[in-house]
Amino acid sequence: MAAMRRVLVKLSGEALIAPDGYWLNPQTLSTLAEDIAQAVGQGFEIAVVIGGGNVIRGAKVGAAGWIDRATADAMGMLATVMNSIALESALESKGTPARTLSAVAMPSLCETYARQPALHHLSKGRVAVLGGGTGNPFFTTDTAAVLRAIELKCDAVLKATQVDGVYTADPKKDPTARRYDVLTHDEAIARDLKIMDTAAFALARENRLPIIVGSAHGPGAITAILAGKAPATRVTP
């Protein structure tokens, strides 16, 4: 894979849940902020999309039938903005400038997402934290991450997960599972590997956007993946 400079990091909202079940773990947030700050310090331009699953998952709530799916997804978009503002604050506390831009306009809290302002922030060394998903129901934050990465001319999407790459099977259940080092988009589809949701992955494939899958656990994990010093799976065109 060619050298990367501008990368969109996709974080899971669930990763922010505290051990006692509270929606936000300050230590996890601080560790992530330190890691992203370190990456910026090494010359990477970083955009971030973070999910809202630590607060609410629209698809799950909608499927339960007690609230309309579009309404549930709107609640999920608000959850992503809560997480984004929290991450922005954590980054600023580390001395790394950051700006939250939301696809859902809420100007009293953060900037409204538009491509040119986001590009400007990245060019100035600020972390662009992109909340609100795509601004539309029925689309996941995976899709939002790929869409924003394409719009902002990112070199890759780093999907930070619970494991250090894409495996032939669930490594927590199958000790013989093998991690892929490199895959093509076509190979990932043919092997039915669940890297991202279908819409997100199709968009990445169509636009020849590389996806890196690795573990975000531990200090310096994201920076190590971007520098090629940590295990990860690279899904390339």
Protein backbone atom coordinates (compact mmCIF):
# COMPACT_ATOMS: atom_id res chain seq x y z
CA MET A 1 0.00 0.00 0.00
CA ALA A 2 1.28 3.47 -0.83
CA ALA A 3 2.34 5.78 1.97
CA MET A 4 -0.60 7.32 3.79
CA ARG A 5 -0.95 10.88 5.00
CA ARG A 6 -4.66 11.57 5.40
CA VAL A 7 -6.67 8.83 7.10
CA LEU A 8 -10.23 8.53 8.37
CA VAL A 9 -10.40 6.55 11.61
CA LYS A 10 -13.69 4.74 12.25
CA LEU A 11 -14.26 4.11 15.94
CA SER A 12 -16.96 2.01 17.57
CA GLY A 13 -19.22 3.72 20.06
CA GLU A 14 -19.39 0.49 22.06
CA ALA A 15 -15.66 0.77 22.73
CA LEU A 16 -16.38 3.78 24.96
CA ILE A 17 -18.60 1.89 27.41
CA ALA A 18 -17.20 1.80 30.95
CA PRO A 19 -16.80 -1.52 32.81
CA ASP A 20 -19.76 -0.62 35.03
CA GLY A 21 -21.99 -0.15 31.97
CA TYR A 22 -21.96 3.65 31.95
CA TRP A 23 -22.05 4.98 28.39
CA LEU A 24 -18.68 6.74 28.55
CA ASN A 25 -15.37 5.51 29.98
CA PRO A 26 -13.11 8.53 30.62
CA GLN A 27 -9.96 6.38 30.56
CA THR A 28 -10.79 4.86 27.18
CA LEU A 29 -11.62 8.30 25.80
CA SER A 30 -8.33 9.70 27.10
CA THR A 31 -6.32 6.81 25.65
CA LEU A 32 -7.95 7.22 22.24
CA ALA A 33 -7.31 10.96 22.31
CA GLU A 34 -3.65 10.43 23.23
CA ASP A 35 -3.28 7.92 20.39
CA ILE A 36 -4.87 10.22 17.80
CA ALA A 37 -2.81 13.15 19.09
CA GLN A 38 0.33 11.05 18.65
CA ALA A 39 -0.64 10.25 15.06
CA VAL A 40 -1.15 13.94 14.32
CA GLY A 41 2.23 14.65 15.87
CA GLN A 42 3.79 12.18 13.45
CA GLY A 43 2.40 14.05 10.48
CA PHE A 44 -0.86 12.24 9.76
CA GLU A 45 -4.01 14.21 8.95
CA ILE A 46 -6.82 12.56 10.86
CA ALA A 47 -10.58 12.61 10.44
CA VAL A 48 -12.71 10.54 12.81
CA VAL A 49 -16.17 9.01 12.57
CA ILE A 50 -17.41 7.46 15.80
CA GLY A 51 -20.54 5.39 16.23
CA GLY A 52 -23.25 5.86 18.84
CA GLY A 53 -23.83 2.29 19.92
CA ASN A 54 -22.74 3.00 23.49
CA VAL A 55 -25.89 5.11 23.81
CA ILE A 56 -28.37 3.67 21.31
CA ARG A 57 -28.38 1.52 18.19
CA GLY A 58 -31.13 2.76 15.89
CA ALA A 59 -31.45 -0.47 13.92
CA LYS A 60 -31.87 -2.55 17.09
CA VAL A 61 -34.38 -0.19 18.66
CA GLY A 62 -36.29 0.12 15.40
CA ALA A 63 -36.39 -3.66 14.98
CA ALA A 64 -37.88 -4.03 18.46
CA GLY A 65 -40.97 -2.32 17.09
CA TRP A 66 -41.71 0.12 19.89
CA ILE A 67 -40.32 3.12 18.03
CA ASP A 68 -40.16 3.96 14.34
CA ARG A 69 -36.81 3.09 12.70
CA ALA A 70 -36.31 6.57 11.23
CA THR A 71 -36.87 8.11 14.66
CA ALA A 72 -34.53 5.59 16.29
CA ASP A 73 -31.86 6.40 13.72
CA ALA A 74 -32.29 10.11 14.44
CA MET A 75 -31.63 9.36 18.10
CA GLY A 76 -28.54 7.41 17.06
CA MET A 77 -27.26 10.40 15.08
CA LEU A 78 -27.57 12.53 18.22
CA ALA A 79 -25.60 9.89 20.14
CA THR A 80 -22.74 10.12 17.63
CA VAL A 81 -22.60 13.89 18.13
CA MET A 82 -22.40 13.39 21.91
CA ASN A 83 -19.45 11.04 21.40
CA SER A 84 -17.84 13.40 18.88
CA ILE A 85 -18.02 16.38 21.23
CA ALA A 86 -16.54 14.26 24.01
CA LEU A 87 -13.64 13.20 21.76
CA GLU A 88 -13.09 16.78 20.60
CA SER A 89 -12.82 17.91 24.21
CA ALA A 90 -10.42 15.07 25.04
CA LEU A 91 -8.20 15.93 22.07
CA GLU A 92 -8.13 19.60 22.96
CA SER A 93 -7.11 18.69 26.51
CA LYS A 94 -4.09 16.88 25.01
CA GLY A 95 -3.09 20.02 23.12
CA THR A 96 -4.33 18.73 19.77
CA PRO A 97 -6.78 21.08 18.03
CA ALA A 98 -10.00 19.40 16.93
CA ARG A 99 -13.34 20.44 15.49
CA THR A 100 -16.63 18.56 15.55
CA LEU A 101 -18.67 18.87 12.37
CA SER A 102 -22.16 17.36 12.40
CA ALA A 103 -24.19 16.24 9.40
CA VAL A 104 -27.23 17.23 11.48
CA ALA A 105 -27.17 20.98 11.98
CA MET A 106 -26.84 22.03 15.61
CA PRO A 107 -24.84 25.26 15.36
CA SER A 108 -25.02 26.11 19.05
CA LEU A 109 -22.99 22.95 19.78
CA CYS A 110 -20.69 22.40 16.81
CA GLU A 111 -20.07 23.24 13.18
CA THR A 112 -22.37 21.89 10.50
CA TYR A 113 -20.56 19.46 8.21
CA ALA A 114 -19.54 20.71 4.81
CA ARG A 115 -16.70 19.38 2.71
CA GLN A 116 -14.66 22.57 2.30
CA PRO A 117 -14.53 23.52 6.00
CA ALA A 118 -13.59 19.93 6.87
CA LEU A 119 -10.76 19.99 4.32
CA HIS A 120 -9.61 23.32 5.72
CA HIS A 121 -9.43 21.94 9.25
CA LEU A 122 -7.43 18.93 8.09
CA SER A 123 -4.99 21.10 6.15
CA LYS A 124 -4.41 23.17 9.32
CA GLY A 125 -3.53 20.11 11.38
CA ARG A 126 -6.83 19.89 13.22
CA VAL A 127 -8.61 16.60 13.79
CA ALA A 128 -11.98 16.66 12.05
CA VAL A 129 -14.45 14.73 14.22
CA LEU A 130 -17.43 13.99 12.01
CA GLY A 131 -20.70 13.36 13.85
CA GLY A 132 -24.30 12.84 12.82
CA GLY A 133 -23.65 9.92 10.49
CA THR A 134 -24.66 10.74 6.93
CA GLY A 135 -27.49 12.90 8.27
CA ASN A 136 -30.04 10.38 7.00
CA PRO A 137 -31.77 7.38 8.59
CA PHE A 138 -31.10 3.81 7.44
CA PHE A 139 -27.38 4.44 6.88
CA THR A 140 -24.77 3.21 9.34
CA THR A 141 -21.72 5.07 10.60
CA ASP A 142 -19.63 2.61 8.54
CA THR A 143 -21.26 4.10 5.45
CA ALA A 144 -20.72 7.61 6.82
CA ALA A 145 -17.04 6.82 7.36
CA VAL A 146 -16.49 5.62 3.80
CA LEU A 147 -18.51 8.49 2.34
CA ARG A 148 -16.54 11.13 4.28
CA ALA A 149 -13.22 9.46 3.46
CA ILE A 150 -14.00 9.67 -0.25
CA GLU A 151 -15.22 13.27 0.01
CA LEU A 152 -12.13 14.34 1.95
CA LYS A 153 -9.69 12.49 -0.33
CA CYS A 154 -8.40 10.27 2.45
CA ASP A 155 -5.77 7.69 1.58
CA ALA A 156 -7.54 4.98 3.60
CA VAL A 157 -10.13 4.17 6.24
CA LEU A 158 -8.80 2.63 9.44
CA LYS A 159 -11.57 0.62 11.06
CA ALA A 160 -10.55 0.21 14.68
CA THR A 161 -12.14 -2.95 16.09
CA GLN A 162 -11.89 -5.39 18.98
CA VAL A 163 -9.42 -7.67 17.15
CA ASP A 164 -6.22 -7.08 15.19
CA GLY A 165 -7.58 -7.70 11.73
CA VAL A 166 -9.92 -9.82 9.63
CA TYR A 167 -9.87 -13.54 10.38
CA THR A 168 -11.08 -16.69 8.63
CA ALA A 169 -13.38 -17.22 11.65
CA ASP A 170 -14.06 -15.62 15.02
CA PRO A 171 -10.66 -15.90 16.77
CA LYS A 172 -12.35 -15.78 20.16
CA LYS A 173 -14.30 -18.93 19.32
CA ASP A 174 -12.00 -20.75 16.90
CA PRO A 175 -8.33 -21.12 17.95
CA THR A 176 -7.43 -22.19 14.40
CA ALA A 177 -8.71 -18.93 12.89
CA ARG A 178 -6.12 -17.27 10.68
CA ARG A 179 -5.66 -13.53 10.20
CA TYR A 180 -5.43 -12.17 6.69
CA ASP A 181 -2.55 -9.74 6.15
CA VAL A 182 -3.76 -8.43 2.78
CA LEU A 183 -7.00 -8.89 0.86
CA THR A 184 -8.49 -7.34 -2.22
CA HIS A 185 -12.02 -5.96 -2.16
CA ASP A 186 -13.08 -8.75 -4.51
CA GLU A 187 -11.56 -11.44 -2.26
CA ALA A 188 -13.32 -10.01 0.80
CA ILE A 189 -16.67 -10.10 -1.01
CA ALA A 190 -16.11 -13.59 -2.43
CA ARG A 191 -15.24 -14.94 1.04
CA ASP A 192 -18.20 -13.09 2.61
CA LEU A 193 -15.97 -11.42 5.19
CA LYS A 194 -17.94 -9.00 7.38
CA ILE A 195 -15.56 -6.04 7.23
CA MET A 196 -18.21 -3.34 7.02
CA ASP A 197 -21.89 -3.28 6.22
CA THR A 198 -22.77 -3.99 2.60
CA ALA A 199 -23.48 -0.41 1.54
CA ALA A 200 -20.24 0.88 3.07
CA PHE A 201 -18.08 -1.81 1.56
CA ALA A 202 -19.69 -1.48 -1.87
CA LEU A 203 -18.97 2.26 -1.81
CA ALA A 204 -15.36 1.64 -0.81
CA ARG A 205 -14.92 -0.93 -3.55
CA GLU A 206 -16.46 1.32 -6.21
CA ASN A 207 -14.11 4.17 -5.28
CA ARG A 208 -11.04 1.96 -4.77
CA LEU A 209 -10.67 3.10 -1.17
CA PRO A 210 -8.32 0.97 0.94
CA ILE A 211 -9.59 -0.22 4.31
CA ILE A 212 -7.32 -1.15 7.19
CA VAL A 213 -8.78 -3.27 10.00
CA GLY A 214 -6.95 -3.44 13.31
CA SER A 215 -7.30 -3.29 17.07
CA ALA A 216 -7.63 0.08 18.79
CA HIS A 217 -6.90 -1.38 22.22
CA GLY A 218 -3.91 -0.17 24.16
CA PRO A 219 -1.82 3.00 24.13
CA GLY A 220 -0.46 3.91 20.72
CA ALA A 221 -2.48 1.24 18.90
CA ILE A 222 -3.84 3.47 16.14
CA THR A 223 -0.49 5.14 15.52
CA ALA A 224 1.24 1.76 15.36
CA ILE A 225 -1.22 0.50 12.74
CA LEU A 226 -0.82 3.62 10.61
CA ALA A 227 2.97 3.29 10.84
CA GLY A 228 2.80 -0.37 9.80
CA LYS A 229 4.18 -1.52 13.16
CA ALA A 230 1.13 -3.41 14.45
CA PRO A 231 -0.82 -6.38 13.08
CA ALA A 232 -3.70 -5.42 10.80
CA THR A 233 -5.52 -6.53 7.68
CA ARG A 234 -5.24 -4.30 4.63
CA VAL A 235 -8.10 -4.53 2.15
CA THR A 236 -6.88 -2.99 -1.08
CA PRO A 237 -8.35 -2.32 -4.55
